[in-house]
Amino acid sequence: MKRPVGHNDTDNVIPFPPRGPNVPRTPGDDGTDKPRSDQAKHPTGKGSSNNGSKAPGDSTGGDERGESGQDNAPADSQFTQALRSGWLTQGRQAQLLVSEATKLLGNRYVVPVAGGAAATHLALLALGLQANDEVILPALAPASLVTLIILAGGRPVFADVSAPEVPVLDVDDVAAHITPATRAILCDHTGGYPAAADRLAVLAAQHGLVLIEVCWRALGARLDDQPVGTFGQLATFSLQPSPDGGGFVVCADRELRQHIEQLRSSAAQPSGEGFEHDFEVTLGNGYRINEAAAATGVRLLRNLRQALDERENIVDAVRRRLGDHVRMAFSPAYSANARPSYAVLPILLDSPAQRLEAMRRARSAHVGLAVPTPTYRLPPHNARVPRLYLPQTEAYCAQAIELEVSPELITLSFD
């Protein structure tokens, strides 16, 4: 019989998810479902008087949204408010970020953290991985995800994608890679295109595994009108590409949220005016979100619908104009039950010469691009895994260029 997720005979960690009436509470948790605010106060002594009782959008928060819900405040004013608040991390902007993310994701618990990588590291640490515990992930996942699995104590196992035209994690191939050592499935929504998280959730439940959704570039994407990040027990989001640009962990229940908060930092803010340290439950990490990043995240979430509409319109325009000249992954048929966030637009080219020419034209048009490579071929990870050849992943990487979706993309031509 498999041991419970998170069980560790040598480390003093909370089981995943924590169970039973004797689970220790984080300082400041009053036992209710209200989000607890961990704050690290500025050494000047100036601090927000907010103790969690003020509603998001009150006068101290500078809420300047219009009737459409968009944030009309200048971006620099939010930075100024964040810097003048007296809080370096986990202050009022972090509380507002939790509020906005909760609106987007519904009945989930949100923990703001330093960035997307920090969020994923915490999610993996919450598993309590031991030697030889396996985590399945797509071979197209960023190399940093593989590194995070190793740092958390696990062993990465690569699964194939469905096809070059739909390069997301293949559910059947995931099922084929499940062994008694498997602990979790890491579902990366590649380029903002939802993977089959609904089917992966069913598969994970059948085998007693944890499903973690990695939504670094999929903020606002939906599958069957359900937000990505709400299918698994855990999900991780990034607000900006930089490691300290802000992010958050999404948790399925309050106990799991509490565990992630304890892993995030040993500094707990119980009163709104100071913080204390708790080293008795588990070792914390320095992953608190800074107030400037949180302010940027609040603005991003408030304007998210407009940004998604603009990117979708760009992709539709490019498909209409270039559809006769170049093949594209994620056809409209794929999107029948999915609404991507359209971070990138992958195009498929038949020969190396065509790819080189397409790359030259993209750079001339100032369009950002990436050339995908199977992660298991990249050092140092190629030395840690057996020799692999995943046919659909290899086919996609031999043909694809991933173009950043931006206004410049509309000017790109392949005539």
Protein backbone atom coordinates (compact mmCIF):
# COMPACT_ATOMS: atom_id res chain seq x y z
CA MET A 1 0.00 0.00 0.00
CA LYS A 2 1.29 3.44 -0.85
CA ARG A 3 2.26 5.64 2.03
CA PRO A 4 0.15 8.80 2.50
CA VAL A 5 1.26 11.73 0.42
CA GLY A 6 3.64 13.84 2.47
CA HIS A 7 4.54 11.06 4.93
CA ASN A 8 8.15 11.28 6.02
CA ASP A 9 9.61 9.33 8.91
CA THR A 10 12.58 11.62 9.39
CA ASP A 11 11.32 15.14 8.69
CA ASN A 12 8.93 17.04 10.92
CA VAL A 13 6.45 18.00 8.22
CA ILE A 14 2.70 18.20 8.10
CA PRO A 15 1.14 15.33 6.10
CA PHE A 16 -0.26 16.31 2.71
CA PRO A 17 -2.99 17.26 3.07
CA PRO A 18 -2.81 17.81 6.85
CA ARG A 19 -5.33 15.64 8.68
CA GLY A 20 -6.84 15.36 12.12
CA PRO A 21 -7.74 17.80 14.90
CA ASN A 22 -4.20 18.11 16.23
CA VAL A 23 -2.65 19.76 13.18
CA PRO A 24 -0.76 22.77 14.55
CA ARG A 25 -2.01 26.13 13.45
CA THR A 26 0.08 28.84 11.95
CA PRO A 27 0.39 31.89 14.25
CA GLY A 28 -2.37 34.31 13.43
CA ASP A 29 -4.73 31.68 12.03
CA ASP A 30 -7.96 32.08 13.94
CA GLY A 31 -9.40 28.84 12.63
CA THR A 32 -11.75 30.55 10.20
CA ASP A 33 -11.68 30.50 6.42
CA LYS A 34 -10.47 34.09 6.21
CA PRO A 35 -7.11 34.48 4.45
CA ARG A 36 -4.35 34.98 7.01
CA SER A 37 -1.97 37.85 6.18
CA ASP A 38 1.74 37.19 6.70
CA GLN A 39 3.54 40.52 6.62
CA ALA A 40 7.12 41.57 7.09
CA LYS A 41 7.19 45.13 8.32
CA HIS A 42 9.52 47.85 7.14
CA PRO A 43 12.27 48.49 9.69
CA THR A 44 11.32 52.19 9.89
CA GLY A 45 8.37 51.18 12.04
CA LYS A 46 5.89 52.67 9.60
CA GLY A 47 3.26 50.16 8.82
CA SER A 48 -0.17 49.75 7.42
CA SER A 49 -2.82 49.88 10.11
CA ASN A 50 -4.76 47.31 8.12
CA ASN A 51 -5.20 44.07 10.08
CA GLY A 52 -7.31 42.27 7.53
CA SER A 53 -10.59 43.94 8.56
CA LYS A 54 -10.64 46.53 5.79
CA ALA A 55 -12.22 45.46 2.54
CA PRO A 56 -10.18 45.41 -0.66
CA GLY A 57 -10.69 48.65 -2.53
CA ASP A 58 -11.09 50.98 0.45
CA SER A 59 -9.51 54.42 0.40
CA THR A 60 -6.14 53.28 1.72
CA GLY A 61 -5.75 50.86 -1.15
CA GLY A 62 -6.20 53.43 -3.88
CA ASP A 63 -8.82 51.44 -5.79
CA GLU A 64 -9.45 53.39 -9.01
CA ARG A 65 -11.36 50.88 -11.09
CA GLY A 66 -13.92 52.04 -13.59
CA GLU A 67 -17.38 50.62 -14.16
CA SER A 68 -15.94 47.84 -16.35
CA GLY A 69 -13.82 46.58 -13.45
CA GLN A 70 -10.58 47.63 -15.13
CA ASP A 71 -7.90 49.29 -13.06
CA ASN A 72 -7.66 52.88 -14.30
CA ALA A 73 -5.02 54.00 -11.82
CA PRO A 74 -1.60 54.85 -13.30
CA ALA A 75 0.84 52.01 -12.76
CA ASP A 76 3.34 54.28 -11.02
CA SER A 77 0.73 55.28 -8.43
CA GLN A 78 0.36 51.67 -7.34
CA PHE A 79 4.13 51.33 -6.99
CA THR A 80 4.20 54.58 -5.00
CA GLN A 81 1.47 53.36 -2.66
CA ALA A 82 3.31 50.08 -2.19
CA LEU A 83 6.60 51.80 -1.39
CA ARG A 84 5.02 54.35 0.95
CA SER A 85 2.98 51.76 2.84
CA GLY A 86 5.90 50.85 5.11
CA TRP A 87 5.63 47.16 4.23
CA LEU A 88 8.33 45.47 2.17
CA THR A 89 6.55 42.13 1.83
CA GLN A 90 3.13 40.61 2.51
CA GLY A 91 1.42 43.96 3.02
CA ARG A 92 -1.83 45.43 1.76
CA GLN A 93 -1.06 44.84 -1.92
CA ALA A 94 -0.49 41.15 -1.19
CA GLN A 95 -3.91 41.04 0.47
CA LEU A 96 -5.48 42.70 -2.56
CA LEU A 97 -3.72 40.18 -4.81
CA VAL A 98 -5.28 37.31 -2.85
CA SER A 99 -8.69 38.95 -3.22
CA GLU A 100 -8.36 39.43 -6.99
CA ALA A 101 -6.98 35.93 -7.58
CA THR A 102 -9.79 34.41 -5.53
CA LYS A 103 -12.33 36.20 -7.70
CA LEU A 104 -10.72 34.67 -10.78
CA LEU A 105 -10.40 31.13 -9.43
CA GLY A 106 -13.51 30.78 -7.32
CA ASN A 107 -13.65 28.47 -4.31
CA ARG A 108 -9.89 28.07 -3.88
CA TYR A 109 -7.29 29.26 -1.37
CA VAL A 110 -4.54 31.55 -2.66
CA VAL A 111 -1.08 32.04 -1.14
CA PRO A 112 0.97 34.90 -2.67
CA VAL A 113 4.68 34.16 -3.09
CA ALA A 114 7.82 35.62 -4.65
CA GLY A 115 7.33 34.17 -8.15
CA GLY A 116 6.24 31.24 -10.29
CA ALA A 117 9.33 29.14 -9.56
CA ALA A 118 8.93 29.78 -5.83
CA ALA A 119 5.28 28.74 -6.06
CA THR A 120 6.14 25.47 -7.80
CA HIS A 121 8.99 24.73 -5.38
CA LEU A 122 6.61 25.14 -2.45
CA ALA A 123 4.00 22.90 -4.09
CA LEU A 124 6.62 20.19 -4.58
CA LEU A 125 7.99 20.60 -1.05
CA ALA A 126 4.46 20.08 0.26
CA LEU A 127 4.57 16.54 -1.16
CA GLY A 128 7.35 15.57 1.25
CA LEU A 129 9.18 13.71 -1.52
CA GLN A 130 11.71 11.05 -0.57
CA ALA A 131 14.50 9.37 -2.52
CA ASN A 132 13.25 7.70 -5.72
CA ASP A 133 9.77 9.26 -5.50
CA GLU A 134 8.71 10.02 -9.06
CA VAL A 135 6.96 13.06 -10.51
CA ILE A 136 5.63 12.79 -14.07
CA LEU A 137 5.83 15.88 -16.26
CA PRO A 138 5.78 16.71 -19.99
CA ALA A 139 9.10 16.52 -21.81
CA LEU A 140 8.41 20.04 -23.13
CA ALA A 141 8.28 21.51 -19.63
CA PRO A 142 10.81 24.26 -18.84
CA ALA A 143 14.12 22.92 -17.58
CA SER A 144 13.59 24.86 -14.35
CA LEU A 145 10.64 22.62 -13.51
CA VAL A 146 12.88 19.57 -13.68
CA THR A 147 15.40 21.31 -11.43
CA LEU A 148 12.67 22.09 -8.90
CA ILE A 149 11.59 18.45 -8.75
CA ILE A 150 15.18 17.42 -8.03
CA LEU A 151 15.63 20.14 -5.40
CA ALA A 152 12.44 18.96 -3.69
CA GLY A 153 13.90 15.46 -3.46
CA GLY A 154 12.06 13.75 -6.32
CA ARG A 155 12.94 12.09 -9.61
CA PRO A 156 11.51 13.53 -12.85
CA VAL A 157 9.82 11.15 -15.28
CA PHE A 158 9.12 12.52 -18.74
CA ALA A 159 5.91 11.80 -20.65
CA ASP A 160 5.11 12.54 -24.28
CA VAL A 161 2.76 15.15 -25.72
CA SER A 162 -0.37 14.26 -27.66
CA ALA A 163 0.82 15.34 -31.13
CA PRO A 164 2.87 18.08 -32.82
CA GLU A 165 -0.41 19.88 -33.50
CA VAL A 166 -1.49 19.59 -29.84
CA PRO A 167 1.75 19.67 -27.81
CA VAL A 168 0.26 19.21 -24.33
CA LEU A 169 0.71 16.34 -21.90
CA ASP A 170 -0.71 13.09 -23.29
CA VAL A 171 -2.97 11.44 -20.72
CA ASP A 172 -2.50 7.91 -22.06
CA ASP A 173 1.29 8.24 -22.00
CA VAL A 174 1.13 9.57 -18.44
CA ALA A 175 -0.89 6.50 -17.44
CA ALA A 176 1.75 4.27 -19.03
CA HIS A 177 4.48 5.89 -16.90
CA ILE A 178 2.75 5.46 -13.52
CA THR A 179 4.61 3.08 -11.20
CA PRO A 180 4.43 2.29 -7.46
CA ALA A 181 7.03 5.06 -6.97
CA THR A 182 4.90 7.76 -8.63
CA ARG A 183 3.76 10.49 -6.25
CA ALA A 184 2.50 13.30 -8.47
CA ILE A 185 1.67 14.50 -11.97
CA LEU A 186 2.93 17.93 -12.99
CA CYS A 187 0.60 19.31 -15.66
CA ASP A 188 2.17 22.24 -17.51
CA HIS A 189 -0.29 24.27 -19.57
CA THR A 190 2.20 24.85 -22.39
CA GLY A 191 2.29 28.39 -23.74
CA GLY A 192 -1.05 29.17 -22.13
CA TYR A 193 -2.92 26.32 -23.88
CA PRO A 194 -4.88 24.17 -21.40
CA ALA A 195 -3.85 20.54 -21.20
CA ALA A 196 -6.44 17.85 -20.44
CA ALA A 197 -6.39 18.70 -16.73
CA ASP A 198 -9.88 17.27 -16.26
CA ARG A 199 -8.79 13.81 -17.45
CA LEU A 200 -5.49 14.05 -15.58
CA ALA A 201 -7.39 14.82 -12.38
CA VAL A 202 -9.44 11.65 -12.82
CA LEU A 203 -6.29 9.63 -13.55
CA ALA A 204 -4.52 11.05 -10.49
CA ALA A 205 -7.47 10.25 -8.24
CA GLN A 206 -7.61 6.66 -9.52
CA HIS A 207 -3.98 6.09 -8.54
CA GLY A 208 -3.88 8.15 -5.34
CA LEU A 209 -1.59 10.78 -6.86
CA VAL A 210 -1.39 14.54 -6.48
CA LEU A 211 -2.07 16.69 -9.55
CA ILE A 212 -0.14 19.96 -9.65
CA GLU A 213 -1.04 22.39 -12.43
CA VAL A 214 1.76 24.69 -13.60
CA CYS A 215 0.08 27.80 -15.01
CA TRP A 216 3.05 30.13 -15.37
CA ARG A 217 1.81 31.41 -18.75
CA ALA A 218 -1.82 30.37 -18.49
CA LEU A 219 -3.29 33.04 -16.23
CA GLY A 220 -6.93 33.40 -17.23
CA ALA A 221 -7.05 30.31 -19.48
CA ARG A 222 -10.09 28.06 -19.16
CA LEU A 223 -11.06 24.48 -19.97
CA ASP A 224 -14.76 23.66 -20.31
CA ASP A 225 -15.40 27.12 -18.83
CA GLN A 226 -13.44 26.20 -15.68
CA PRO A 227 -10.29 28.17 -14.86
CA VAL A 228 -7.03 26.29 -15.21
CA GLY A 229 -5.47 25.92 -11.80
CA THR A 230 -8.68 24.56 -10.26
CA PHE A 231 -8.52 20.93 -11.42
CA GLY A 232 -5.69 19.67 -9.20
CA GLN A 233 -4.99 19.84 -5.49
CA LEU A 234 -2.34 22.48 -6.17
CA ALA A 235 -1.60 24.99 -8.91
CA THR A 236 1.13 27.57 -9.40
CA PHE A 237 0.98 30.89 -11.23
CA SER A 238 3.56 33.46 -12.29
CA LEU A 239 2.75 37.15 -12.62
CA GLN A 240 5.95 38.23 -14.39
CA PRO A 241 8.84 36.36 -16.05
CA SER A 242 11.41 37.36 -13.41
CA PRO A 243 11.96 35.05 -10.40
CA ASP A 244 10.91 37.80 -7.95
CA GLY A 245 8.12 39.23 -10.11
CA GLY A 246 5.36 37.69 -8.04
CA GLY A 247 3.20 34.60 -8.20
CA PHE A 248 0.86 32.55 -6.11
CA VAL A 249 -0.01 28.99 -5.10
CA VAL A 250 -3.62 27.84 -5.42
CA CYS A 251 -4.73 25.25 -2.86
CA ALA A 252 -7.79 23.02 -2.84
CA ASP A 253 -8.42 23.31 0.91
CA ARG A 254 -7.59 25.41 3.96
CA GLU A 255 -5.26 22.85 5.56
CA LEU A 256 -3.15 22.70 2.44
CA ARG A 257 -3.04 26.49 2.29
CA GLN A 258 -1.82 26.54 5.88
CA HIS A 259 0.95 24.07 5.04
CA ILE A 260 2.08 26.16 2.04
CA GLU A 261 2.12 29.29 4.21
CA GLN A 262 4.35 27.55 6.74
CA LEU A 263 6.71 26.41 3.99
CA ARG A 264 6.75 29.90 2.46
CA SER A 265 8.27 31.63 5.46
CA SER A 266 8.80 31.26 9.18
CA ALA A 267 7.72 34.88 9.65
CA ALA A 268 4.07 35.08 10.64
CA GLN A 269 2.18 38.33 11.17
CA PRO A 270 -0.52 37.86 13.79
CA SER A 271 -1.72 41.41 14.45
CA GLY A 272 -1.18 43.69 11.45
CA GLU A 273 1.52 45.69 13.23
CA GLY A 274 4.42 43.26 13.50
CA PHE A 275 5.58 39.73 12.85
CA GLU A 276 6.97 36.82 14.80
CA HIS A 277 8.90 33.70 13.86
CA ASP A 278 7.79 30.10 14.17
CA PHE A 279 10.39 27.38 13.67
CA GLU A 280 8.56 24.63 15.55
CA VAL A 281 6.42 23.20 12.74
CA THR A 282 8.60 23.17 9.65
CA LEU A 283 11.51 25.00 8.04
CA GLY A 284 10.29 27.99 6.06
CA ASN A 285 11.72 29.55 2.91
CA GLY A 286 12.21 33.20 2.05
CA TYR A 287 9.43 33.21 -0.53
CA ARG A 288 7.24 36.13 0.59
CA ILE A 289 6.03 38.38 -2.23
CA ASN A 290 7.29 41.96 -2.25
CA GLU A 291 4.73 44.75 -2.30
CA ALA A 292 5.79 46.20 -5.68
CA ALA A 293 5.32 42.81 -7.38
CA ALA A 294 1.98 42.35 -5.62
CA ALA A 295 0.81 45.77 -6.84
CA THR A 296 1.74 44.83 -10.40
CA GLY A 297 -0.14 41.56 -9.99
CA VAL A 298 -3.27 43.32 -8.76
CA ARG A 299 -3.28 45.56 -11.82
CA LEU A 300 -2.64 42.58 -14.11
CA LEU A 301 -5.57 40.62 -12.69
CA ARG A 302 -7.95 43.57 -12.84
CA ASN A 303 -7.12 44.15 -16.51
CA LEU A 304 -6.79 40.46 -17.41
CA ARG A 305 -9.97 40.09 -19.45
CA GLN A 306 -9.00 42.95 -21.75
CA ALA A 307 -5.50 41.56 -22.20
CA LEU A 308 -6.83 38.09 -23.05
CA ASP A 309 -9.27 39.53 -25.59
CA GLU A 310 -6.48 41.51 -27.24
CA ARG A 311 -4.21 38.47 -27.55
CA GLU A 312 -7.03 36.33 -28.90
CA ASN A 313 -7.81 38.96 -31.52
CA ILE A 314 -4.14 39.04 -32.57
CA VAL A 315 -4.04 35.25 -32.94
CA ASP A 316 -7.29 35.22 -34.93
CA ALA A 317 -5.94 37.90 -37.26
CA VAL A 318 -2.66 36.04 -37.79
CA ARG A 319 -4.48 32.76 -38.47
CA ARG A 320 -6.65 34.42 -41.10
CA ARG A 321 -3.72 36.09 -42.82
CA LEU A 322 -1.09 33.35 -42.61
CA GLY A 323 -3.22 30.21 -42.52
CA ASP A 324 -2.59 29.48 -46.21
CA HIS A 325 1.18 29.86 -45.84
CA VAL A 326 2.10 28.05 -42.63
CA ARG A 327 0.73 25.33 -40.37
CA MET A 328 -0.08 26.26 -36.80
CA ALA A 329 -0.45 24.17 -33.68
CA PHE A 330 -3.62 24.33 -31.59
CA SER A 331 -6.14 24.62 -34.39
CA PRO A 332 -9.55 26.21 -33.75
CA ALA A 333 -10.91 22.67 -33.34
CA TYR A 334 -8.67 22.25 -30.29
CA SER A 335 -10.17 25.43 -28.83
CA ALA A 336 -13.74 24.16 -28.98
CA ASN A 337 -13.77 23.46 -25.23
CA ALA A 338 -10.73 25.55 -24.23
CA ARG A 339 -9.94 29.21 -24.07
CA PRO A 340 -6.16 29.66 -24.03
CA SER A 341 -4.34 32.68 -22.68
CA TYR A 342 -2.35 32.79 -25.96
CA ALA A 343 1.06 33.55 -24.54
CA VAL A 344 2.63 32.12 -27.70
CA LEU A 345 1.55 30.96 -31.16
CA PRO A 346 3.43 27.81 -32.23
CA ILE A 347 3.94 27.41 -35.98
CA LEU A 348 5.06 24.17 -37.65
CA LEU A 349 7.54 24.13 -40.55
CA ASP A 350 8.60 21.12 -42.58
CA SER A 351 12.32 21.74 -43.08
CA PRO A 352 15.25 23.27 -41.18
CA ALA A 353 15.65 25.83 -43.98
CA GLN A 354 12.06 26.98 -43.54
CA ARG A 355 12.54 27.28 -39.81
CA LEU A 356 15.67 29.38 -40.22
CA GLU A 357 13.88 31.69 -42.65
CA ALA A 358 10.90 32.00 -40.34
CA MET A 359 13.20 32.84 -37.43
CA ARG A 360 14.94 35.50 -39.53
CA ARG A 361 11.62 37.11 -40.47
CA ALA A 362 10.36 37.01 -36.90
CA ARG A 363 13.46 38.74 -35.60
CA SER A 364 13.22 41.35 -38.37
CA ALA A 365 9.64 42.06 -37.28
CA HIS A 366 10.79 42.27 -33.60
CA VAL A 367 8.67 39.26 -32.66
CA GLY A 368 9.97 37.25 -29.73
CA LEU A 369 10.46 33.56 -30.39
CA ALA A 370 11.64 30.32 -28.83
CA VAL A 371 12.81 27.09 -30.42
CA PRO A 372 11.58 24.18 -28.26
CA THR A 373 13.91 21.37 -27.22
CA PRO A 374 13.04 18.19 -25.29
CA THR A 375 14.05 18.88 -21.72
CA TYR A 376 15.60 15.45 -21.36
CA ARG A 377 18.20 16.46 -23.99
CA LEU A 378 19.37 19.51 -22.03
CA PRO A 379 22.33 19.36 -19.63
CA PRO A 380 22.54 18.52 -16.81
CA HIS A 381 19.21 16.68 -16.99
CA ASN A 382 20.32 14.52 -19.92
CA ALA A 383 22.79 12.86 -17.54
CA ARG A 384 20.13 12.10 -14.92
CA VAL A 385 17.56 10.23 -17.03
CA PRO A 386 17.81 7.12 -19.21
CA ARG A 387 18.18 7.58 -22.95
CA LEU A 388 14.78 8.70 -24.17
CA TYR A 389 13.03 9.19 -27.46
CA LEU A 390 9.45 10.44 -27.15
CA PRO A 391 8.18 10.52 -30.75
CA GLN A 392 5.54 13.24 -30.54
CA THR A 393 7.80 15.52 -28.50
CA GLU A 394 10.65 14.97 -30.97
CA ALA A 395 8.36 15.65 -33.95
CA TYR A 396 7.10 18.88 -32.43
CA CYS A 397 10.59 20.13 -31.57
CA ALA A 398 11.82 19.31 -35.10
CA GLN A 399 9.13 21.50 -36.65
CA ALA A 400 8.05 24.18 -34.22
CA ILE A 401 8.85 27.80 -33.53
CA GLU A 402 6.95 29.45 -30.69
CA LEU A 403 6.15 33.08 -31.48
CA GLU A 404 5.33 35.51 -28.70
CA VAL A 405 1.82 36.92 -29.08
CA SER A 406 2.21 40.71 -29.25
CA PRO A 407 1.04 43.48 -31.59
CA GLU A 408 4.24 43.02 -33.64
CA LEU A 409 3.07 39.53 -34.60
CA ILE A 410 0.39 41.01 -36.87
CA THR A 411 3.09 42.48 -39.13
CA LEU A 412 4.86 39.13 -39.64
CA SER A 413 4.71 37.82 -43.19
CA PHE A 414 5.69 34.49 -44.80
CA ASP A 415 4.82 35.43 -48.42
